[in-house]
Each structure stands twice: as C-alpha cells, then as structure tokens.
Amino acid sequence: MVGIAAMVVVLQVSVDGPVMTPAAPPVLPSRAESADGVAKVAAPDPAAAYLAKMHEEFWPELQRKAAIGNAEAQWHYGFALMKGTFEEPDVTAGLQWMEKAAAQKHGRALNSLGEVYTTGEFVPQDHLKAIGYFQAAWATGEPMGILNLGILSEYGEGRKQDSAEAVRCYRLAADKGSAAALTRLGAMYAEGDILPKDLKQAVACYRAGAEKGSADAWHNLSVMHRRGIVVPLDKEVALACAEKAWAAGSADGALMAADLLVELRQDYPRAMAYLTVYMARDRSPEAGEAGMQRLKSWDSELKTEVDDRKFREFLDALFLAEWRRRSKEIFGR
C-alpha cells in the first residue's frame, strides 16, 4: 500500500527540495564506477543566471512582502524556509511564517500545514492537527483541503477508513477544479478497486486533470498512449504527453520522454538531456539505478561534436524551463 506521506498532496510542488543547478547527474557514491558520461554535463549558463536572479532578486522581494503581511508571500516564504529551498533549512521559522498566513485564512497555507503534520517529515506526526488544518483549508474554499481529507479516509490514517467518504471528498475537490482530484479519480477508475473499473472514464478524468495542469495526469496519458490502453497506440502522442508531464513538474515524465526519444527517433542527445534532469530531480536509489542503466548504454551514442552541442543546448533549455516553472510557483513570475 502506498504510504500516506507519499499520497497527501502538497499544493506547492515547487519546494520539493533546495533549488540548485546540478553540474552533472547526481551519482550516488556506491555507483561511482558507472559515471562514464558525467563529464559531458556542464553547468548550464542561462539556467544558472536565472537561478542567480531568483536568489538575488526574487527571494529578497518575497521576504519583504512576507514581512509587511502578504499572506501569499508568508506561505511561500515559510514553506521555502522549512525546506531549505534558498538557504539553510529553518523548520521553526518556516512554520511560524506559514502560521501567519494561516491566521489570515490563507487556504493553501492551511493545507500545507496539514500536510506537514500528516507526513511527519519536519515535526512529529499528528493526524488530528492535520485534519483540523485540512478542514480549515476546505472552509476557505481551498479544494486541496477536502482532497487530502479524502486521502486520509481512503487509507484510514487519522480517520476511519471509508472508501465512500474518500470518493465523496475527491468529487467535491474535482467539482472545485482540483486537477489532483481529477487525476486521483482517474486512477480509481483505472484500478477498479474502489470505483467500478472504467478505462474510458479514467482517460476522461486524466484529460480533464491534464488540461488543468496535472503532471501526473499527463504522465498517465503518456503511459496509456504508449501501450494503446483504450486510446490509440500512438508513441508520438505519448512523447508529447511525457514532455508536458515534465514541463508540469513530473520527473517520471522526463524519464518517459527519454525512453521514447530513443525508441522513436534514436535521438540520444535529447534523451540524455532528459535523463540528466530526471536524475537531478529524483534522487531516490531507484531513480539512480534506472538512470545509470541508461547512461551506460546511451553515453557512447553521443559520437560527434554536433551531438554533444545538441545535448548541452537542450539540457540548458530544460534546466532553464524548470527554474522558470518553479519561479512562477514560488514568486508568481
């Protein structure tokens, strides 16, 4: 069963870790012998310049807005402080700033505080406190609050396990426009464990979620087109969906895009660029293993200076697009 900490939806996906420009795929020490291709990856200059702008211009401006009482800024600033996005992590200060935003009935701050107490990553786990925050978030009209209450009901964490209540919550969130809720309902129709199995309805939910910006929905559509599940088998469409998944924030989208670029076009430079950002984004041992397996076989395919230049240019573009996406999430620009 999927751990509740992994299921609870964090609205602010931008603060999944420190913002930094990796100069090479993150290779675990135990895998150093597999890092043949790492030397080919150079620090991307335009991306690094934009990242410096985030640090030197946008971050101080966010601090100033938070200090004068802007609830949106207080939420972003607090969460970024807690995660150590731009400076050393400070959980206590981060929580204090998010509480300031929550005191102004900022729905997303309330939801984020509920997530913090559900996962127990930064503070002792406290489901009752989390439920209070999620309920308060929903009371402001924030759909993520009711969505997360549904997740707790589905998995019986802090609430009675109740699949019907979970579905009710997901539908309420979806009716409020939650892309994550639409995607979760799609998965339920695809799995057929809680809702009747209906792959056509699953696709409809994924498409609706994707239109609202869900990275997971784009990724699921990519999988379905790649395999021809309900939708026509079309790997070019699958590639387009995978690239949209990455653009929306899915590391798995980058890996899918890399595989499809090799499978469809033998485009190793672009595939290696996607593989690099995948490994930079997902630092789990499983991602490291998947990435290194591909690095070993693909690295030798960058045979010419043209290939190498294409790889570097596309890698730079991917990093720059990632920083711009995260900048928009955190700073609104």
Protein backbone atom coordinates (compact mmCIF):
# COMPACT_ATOMS: atom_id res chain seq x y z
CA MET A 1 0.00 0.00 0.00
CA VAL A 2 1.24 3.47 -0.85
CA GLY A 3 2.42 5.34 2.24
CA ILE A 4 0.16 8.16 3.32
CA ALA A 5 3.10 10.56 3.35
CA ALA A 6 3.53 9.97 -0.36
CA MET A 7 -0.18 10.28 -1.09
CA VAL A 8 -1.05 13.52 0.69
CA VAL A 9 -0.98 16.24 -1.91
CA VAL A 10 1.38 19.14 -1.38
CA LEU A 11 -0.07 22.08 -3.27
CA GLN A 12 3.29 23.83 -3.52
CA VAL A 13 5.27 21.36 -5.58
CA SER A 14 7.96 23.96 -6.09
CA VAL A 15 9.56 23.38 -2.73
CA ASP A 16 10.39 19.73 -3.11
CA GLY A 17 14.00 20.48 -2.28
CA PRO A 18 16.71 23.10 -2.49
CA VAL A 19 16.86 24.98 -5.76
CA MET A 20 20.27 24.33 -7.25
CA THR A 21 21.87 23.88 -10.63
CA PRO A 22 23.46 20.43 -10.78
CA ALA A 23 26.58 20.31 -12.90
CA ALA A 24 26.17 16.59 -13.52
CA PRO A 25 23.74 13.75 -12.90
CA PRO A 26 23.64 13.08 -9.14
CA VAL A 27 25.57 9.82 -8.82
CA LEU A 28 25.49 8.01 -5.52
CA PRO A 29 28.98 7.15 -4.20
CA SER A 30 28.22 3.45 -4.49
CA ARG A 31 27.63 3.94 -8.21
CA ALA A 32 30.75 5.96 -8.99
CA GLU A 33 32.05 3.28 -11.27
CA SER A 34 29.06 3.87 -13.58
CA ALA A 35 29.58 7.58 -14.09
CA ASP A 36 31.26 7.35 -17.51
CA GLY A 37 29.09 10.04 -19.03
CA VAL A 38 29.09 12.54 -16.19
CA ALA A 39 31.99 14.58 -17.57
CA LYS A 40 29.91 15.51 -20.58
CA VAL A 41 27.46 17.52 -18.43
CA ALA A 42 28.41 21.16 -17.97
CA ALA A 43 26.71 23.72 -15.75
CA PRO A 44 24.09 25.44 -17.90
CA ASP A 45 24.91 29.18 -18.02
CA PRO A 46 21.50 30.73 -18.86
CA ALA A 47 19.83 28.49 -16.27
CA ALA A 48 22.48 29.42 -13.71
CA ALA A 49 21.94 33.10 -14.47
CA TYR A 50 18.21 32.79 -13.96
CA LEU A 51 18.76 30.86 -10.76
CA ALA A 52 21.01 33.66 -9.52
CA LYS A 53 18.21 36.12 -10.28
CA MET A 54 15.83 34.02 -8.19
CA HIS A 55 18.30 34.11 -5.29
CA GLU A 56 19.38 37.72 -5.53
CA GLU A 57 16.19 39.49 -6.66
CA PHE A 58 13.04 37.39 -6.24
CA TRP A 59 13.89 35.80 -2.87
CA PRO A 60 14.61 39.11 -1.03
CA GLU A 61 11.46 40.60 -2.56
CA LEU A 62 9.42 37.65 -1.25
CA GLN A 63 10.89 38.23 2.21
CA ARG A 64 9.87 41.89 2.09
CA LYS A 65 6.31 41.03 1.06
CA ALA A 66 6.04 38.47 3.85
CA ALA A 67 7.32 40.99 6.40
CA ILE A 68 4.60 43.50 5.54
CA GLY A 69 1.85 40.92 5.94
CA ASN A 70 1.17 39.49 2.48
CA ALA A 71 -0.35 36.07 3.25
CA GLU A 72 0.60 34.52 -0.09
CA ALA A 73 4.21 35.60 0.40
CA GLN A 74 4.21 34.37 4.01
CA TRP A 75 3.08 30.94 2.88
CA HIS A 76 5.68 30.63 0.13
CA TYR A 77 8.42 32.11 2.29
CA GLY A 78 7.63 29.85 5.23
CA PHE A 79 7.49 26.69 3.17
CA ALA A 80 10.72 27.54 1.37
CA LEU A 81 12.44 28.26 4.71
CA MET A 82 11.27 24.95 6.11
CA LYS A 83 12.53 23.01 3.09
CA GLY A 84 15.78 24.95 2.74
CA THR A 85 14.98 25.96 -0.83
CA PHE A 86 17.19 29.06 -0.90
CA GLU A 87 19.09 28.96 2.38
CA GLU A 88 19.74 26.66 5.31
CA PRO A 89 16.51 24.93 6.43
CA ASP A 90 14.77 26.52 9.42
CA VAL A 91 11.73 24.45 10.34
CA THR A 92 10.72 26.60 13.32
CA ALA A 93 10.80 29.86 11.39
CA GLY A 94 9.14 28.26 8.39
CA LEU A 95 6.22 27.03 10.47
CA GLN A 96 5.86 30.42 12.12
CA TRP A 97 5.57 32.17 8.76
CA MET A 98 3.06 29.65 7.47
CA GLU A 99 1.05 30.08 10.68
CA LYS A 100 0.98 33.83 9.99
CA ALA A 101 -0.54 33.13 6.59
CA ALA A 102 -2.96 30.58 8.08
CA ALA A 103 -4.11 33.17 10.64
CA GLN A 104 -5.24 35.24 7.66
CA LYS A 105 -7.27 32.22 6.46
CA HIS A 106 -4.96 31.54 3.55
CA GLY A 107 -6.28 28.23 2.28
CA ARG A 108 -3.07 26.96 0.72
CA ALA A 109 -1.08 27.72 3.86
CA LEU A 110 -3.65 25.83 5.93
CA ASN A 111 -3.41 22.89 3.56
CA SER A 112 0.40 22.93 3.67
CA LEU A 113 0.38 22.89 7.47
CA GLY A 114 -1.93 19.89 7.35
CA GLU A 115 0.49 18.16 5.02
CA VAL A 116 3.39 18.90 7.36
CA TYR A 117 1.63 17.27 10.31
CA THR A 118 0.45 14.32 8.22
CA THR A 119 3.82 13.34 6.82
CA GLY A 120 5.81 13.92 9.99
CA GLU A 121 8.84 14.88 7.91
CA PHE A 122 9.61 18.05 9.86
CA VAL A 123 7.52 17.76 13.03
CA PRO A 124 6.08 14.83 14.99
CA GLN A 125 3.20 13.30 13.08
CA ASP A 126 -0.17 14.49 14.37
CA HIS A 127 -3.15 13.42 12.28
CA LEU A 128 -5.71 15.21 14.45
CA LYS A 129 -3.90 18.50 14.00
CA ALA A 130 -3.53 17.79 10.28
CA ILE A 131 -7.25 17.10 9.93
CA GLY A 132 -8.02 20.41 11.63
CA TYR A 133 -5.84 22.25 9.14
CA PHE A 134 -7.33 20.42 6.16
CA GLN A 135 -10.85 21.20 7.36
CA ALA A 136 -9.94 24.84 7.83
CA ALA A 137 -8.43 24.92 4.34
CA TRP A 138 -11.62 23.48 2.84
CA ALA A 139 -13.67 26.04 4.77
CA THR A 140 -11.82 28.79 2.90
CA GLY A 141 -12.71 27.14 -0.41
CA GLU A 142 -9.31 25.52 -0.97
CA PRO A 143 -10.05 22.18 -2.72
CA MET A 144 -6.77 20.59 -1.62
CA GLY A 145 -8.11 20.52 1.93
CA ILE A 146 -11.03 18.23 1.11
CA LEU A 147 -8.85 16.22 -1.29
CA ASN A 148 -6.39 15.45 1.49
CA LEU A 149 -9.22 14.57 3.88
CA GLY A 150 -10.30 12.09 1.24
CA ILE A 151 -6.83 10.58 1.11
CA LEU A 152 -6.83 10.15 4.90
CA SER A 153 -10.23 8.45 4.64
CA GLU A 154 -9.10 6.18 1.81
CA TYR A 155 -6.10 4.94 3.77
CA GLY A 156 -7.59 5.10 7.26
CA GLU A 157 -4.97 7.50 8.60
CA GLY A 158 -6.32 9.65 11.43
CA ARG A 159 -9.84 8.93 10.21
CA LYS A 160 -11.94 5.82 9.85
CA GLN A 161 -11.10 4.02 6.63
CA ASP A 162 -14.05 4.82 4.41
CA SER A 163 -13.80 4.45 0.64
CA ALA A 164 -17.19 6.08 0.03
CA GLU A 165 -16.14 9.13 2.04
CA ALA A 166 -12.87 9.26 0.12
CA VAL A 167 -14.69 9.30 -3.21
CA ARG A 168 -17.09 11.95 -1.93
CA CYS A 169 -14.17 14.15 -0.95
CA TYR A 170 -12.41 13.63 -4.28
CA ARG A 171 -15.57 14.54 -6.19
CA LEU A 172 -16.05 17.69 -4.13
CA ALA A 173 -12.46 18.70 -4.82
CA ALA A 174 -12.83 17.89 -8.52
CA ASP A 175 -16.00 19.98 -8.69
CA LYS A 176 -13.93 22.86 -7.32
CA GLY A 177 -11.46 22.42 -10.14
CA SER A 178 -8.73 20.36 -8.46
CA ALA A 179 -6.51 18.76 -11.09
CA ALA A 180 -5.09 16.39 -8.47
CA ALA A 181 -8.59 15.18 -7.53
CA LEU A 182 -9.48 14.53 -11.17
CA THR A 183 -6.27 12.55 -11.56
CA ARG A 184 -6.96 10.53 -8.42
CA LEU A 185 -10.47 9.70 -9.63
CA GLY A 186 -8.97 8.64 -12.94
CA ALA A 187 -6.61 6.28 -11.14
CA MET A 188 -9.53 4.82 -9.20
CA TYR A 189 -11.41 4.10 -12.42
CA ALA A 190 -8.27 2.56 -13.90
CA GLU A 191 -7.59 0.39 -10.85
CA GLY A 192 -11.19 -0.73 -10.33
CA ASP A 193 -10.70 -1.41 -6.61
CA ILE A 194 -12.91 1.33 -5.17
CA LEU A 195 -14.79 2.63 -8.20
CA PRO A 196 -16.02 0.28 -10.95
CA LYS A 197 -13.26 -0.28 -13.47
CA ASP A 198 -13.91 2.05 -16.40
CA LEU A 199 -10.88 2.88 -18.51
CA LYS A 200 -12.79 5.30 -20.72
CA GLN A 201 -13.81 7.26 -17.65
CA ALA A 202 -10.22 7.06 -16.40
CA VAL A 203 -8.99 8.66 -19.63
CA ALA A 204 -11.67 11.36 -19.38
CA CYS A 205 -10.53 12.19 -15.84
CA TYR A 206 -6.87 12.21 -16.85
CA ARG A 207 -7.59 14.52 -19.78
CA ALA A 208 -9.54 16.89 -17.54
CA GLY A 209 -6.75 16.83 -14.97
CA ALA A 210 -4.10 17.38 -17.63
CA GLU A 211 -5.96 20.39 -19.01
CA LYS A 212 -5.82 21.88 -15.51
CA GLY A 213 -2.06 21.28 -15.28
CA SER A 214 -1.69 17.94 -13.51
CA ALA A 215 1.75 16.47 -14.22
CA ASP A 216 0.56 13.03 -13.09
CA ALA A 217 -2.39 13.17 -15.47
CA TRP A 218 -0.10 13.96 -18.41
CA HIS A 219 2.19 11.10 -17.38
CA ASN A 220 -0.72 8.65 -17.12
CA LEU A 221 -1.96 9.69 -20.56
CA SER A 222 1.54 9.11 -21.89
CA VAL A 223 1.54 5.58 -20.48
CA MET A 224 -1.88 4.85 -21.99
CA HIS A 225 -0.92 6.11 -25.46
CA ARG A 226 2.39 4.25 -25.33
CA ARG A 227 0.59 0.99 -24.60
CA GLY A 228 -2.62 1.62 -26.53
CA ILE A 229 -4.83 1.30 -23.45
CA VAL A 230 -8.33 2.47 -24.52
CA VAL A 231 -6.75 5.31 -26.52
CA PRO A 232 -5.00 4.63 -29.85
CA LEU A 233 -1.47 3.30 -29.55
CA ASP A 234 0.50 6.36 -30.62
CA LYS A 235 4.01 6.79 -29.30
CA GLU A 236 4.39 10.25 -30.79
CA VAL A 237 1.39 11.37 -28.76
CA ALA A 238 2.86 9.52 -25.79
CA LEU A 239 6.08 11.51 -26.21
CA ALA A 240 4.18 14.81 -26.38
CA CYS A 241 2.29 13.89 -23.19
CA ALA A 242 5.52 12.87 -21.44
CA GLU A 243 7.15 16.19 -22.31
CA LYS A 244 4.11 18.02 -20.98
CA ALA A 245 4.32 15.94 -17.81
CA TRP A 246 7.92 17.04 -17.32
CA ALA A 247 7.04 20.66 -18.06
CA ALA A 248 4.35 20.47 -15.37
CA GLY A 249 6.81 19.07 -12.81
CA SER A 250 6.92 15.28 -13.19
CA ALA A 251 10.36 13.68 -13.01
CA ASP A 252 8.83 10.48 -14.40
CA GLY A 253 7.75 12.46 -17.44
CA ALA A 254 11.39 13.20 -18.19
CA LEU A 255 12.32 9.51 -17.99
CA MET A 256 9.40 8.54 -20.22
CA ALA A 257 10.38 11.23 -22.73
CA ALA A 258 13.97 9.99 -22.73
CA ASP A 259 12.92 6.41 -23.45
CA LEU A 260 10.54 7.44 -26.21
CA LEU A 261 13.09 9.71 -27.88
CA VAL A 262 15.44 6.74 -28.16
CA GLU A 263 12.71 4.31 -29.18
CA LEU A 264 11.14 6.56 -31.82
CA ARG A 265 13.99 8.66 -33.17
CA GLN A 266 17.29 7.39 -31.76
CA ASP A 267 17.67 10.98 -30.55
CA TYR A 268 20.31 10.29 -27.93
CA PRO A 269 21.35 13.91 -27.28
CA ARG A 270 17.83 14.97 -26.26
CA ALA A 271 17.24 11.68 -24.46
CA MET A 272 20.43 12.12 -22.43
CA ALA A 273 19.38 15.65 -21.53
CA TYR A 274 16.03 14.41 -20.22
CA LEU A 275 17.79 11.62 -18.38
CA THR A 276 20.08 14.15 -16.70
CA VAL A 277 17.25 16.33 -15.42
CA TYR A 278 15.40 13.20 -14.29
CA MET A 279 18.35 12.14 -12.15
CA ALA A 280 18.81 15.67 -10.83
CA ARG A 281 15.16 15.85 -9.81
CA ASP A 282 14.60 12.36 -8.38
CA ARG A 283 17.40 11.42 -6.02
CA SER A 284 15.97 8.11 -4.89
CA PRO A 285 18.11 4.96 -5.20
CA GLU A 286 15.57 3.56 -7.66
CA ALA A 287 15.88 6.61 -9.91
CA GLY A 288 19.65 6.44 -9.66
CA GLU A 289 19.64 2.82 -10.74
CA ALA A 290 17.24 3.46 -13.64
CA GLY A 291 19.30 6.45 -14.75
CA MET A 292 22.67 4.74 -14.57
CA GLN A 293 21.43 1.75 -16.56
CA ARG A 294 20.55 4.08 -19.39
CA LEU A 295 23.69 6.19 -19.05
CA LYS A 296 25.83 3.13 -19.56
CA SER A 297 24.20 2.25 -22.86
CA TRP A 298 23.40 5.73 -24.20
CA ASP A 299 26.53 7.70 -23.40
CA SER A 300 28.56 6.10 -26.20
CA GLU A 301 25.90 7.23 -28.68
CA LEU A 302 26.97 10.88 -28.35
CA LYS A 303 29.54 10.37 -31.09
CA THR A 304 30.15 13.81 -32.59
CA GLU A 305 30.67 17.38 -31.52
CA VAL A 306 27.26 18.17 -33.01
CA ASP A 307 25.69 15.53 -30.76
CA ASP A 308 27.49 16.93 -27.75
CA ARG A 309 26.45 20.50 -28.53
CA LYS A 310 22.83 19.45 -29.08
CA PHE A 311 22.87 17.64 -25.74
CA ARG A 312 24.29 20.64 -23.87
CA GLU A 313 21.94 23.14 -25.51
CA PHE A 314 18.85 21.07 -24.81
CA LEU A 315 19.97 20.33 -21.25
CA ASP A 316 20.38 24.06 -20.69
CA ALA A 317 16.90 24.70 -22.07
CA LEU A 318 15.39 22.04 -19.79
CA PHE A 319 17.06 23.45 -16.68
CA LEU A 320 16.05 26.99 -17.60
CA ALA A 321 12.43 25.91 -18.13
CA GLU A 322 12.49 24.11 -14.76
CA TRP A 323 13.74 27.18 -12.89
CA ARG A 324 11.16 29.36 -14.64
CA ARG A 325 8.39 26.96 -13.66
CA ARG A 326 9.49 26.84 -10.05
CA SER A 327 9.98 30.60 -10.00
CA LYS A 328 6.40 31.08 -11.14
CA GLU A 329 5.16 28.75 -8.42
CA ILE A 330 7.15 30.37 -5.63
CA PHE A 331 7.34 34.00 -6.73
CA GLY A 332 4.45 34.30 -9.17
CA ARG A 333 6.75 35.25 -12.04
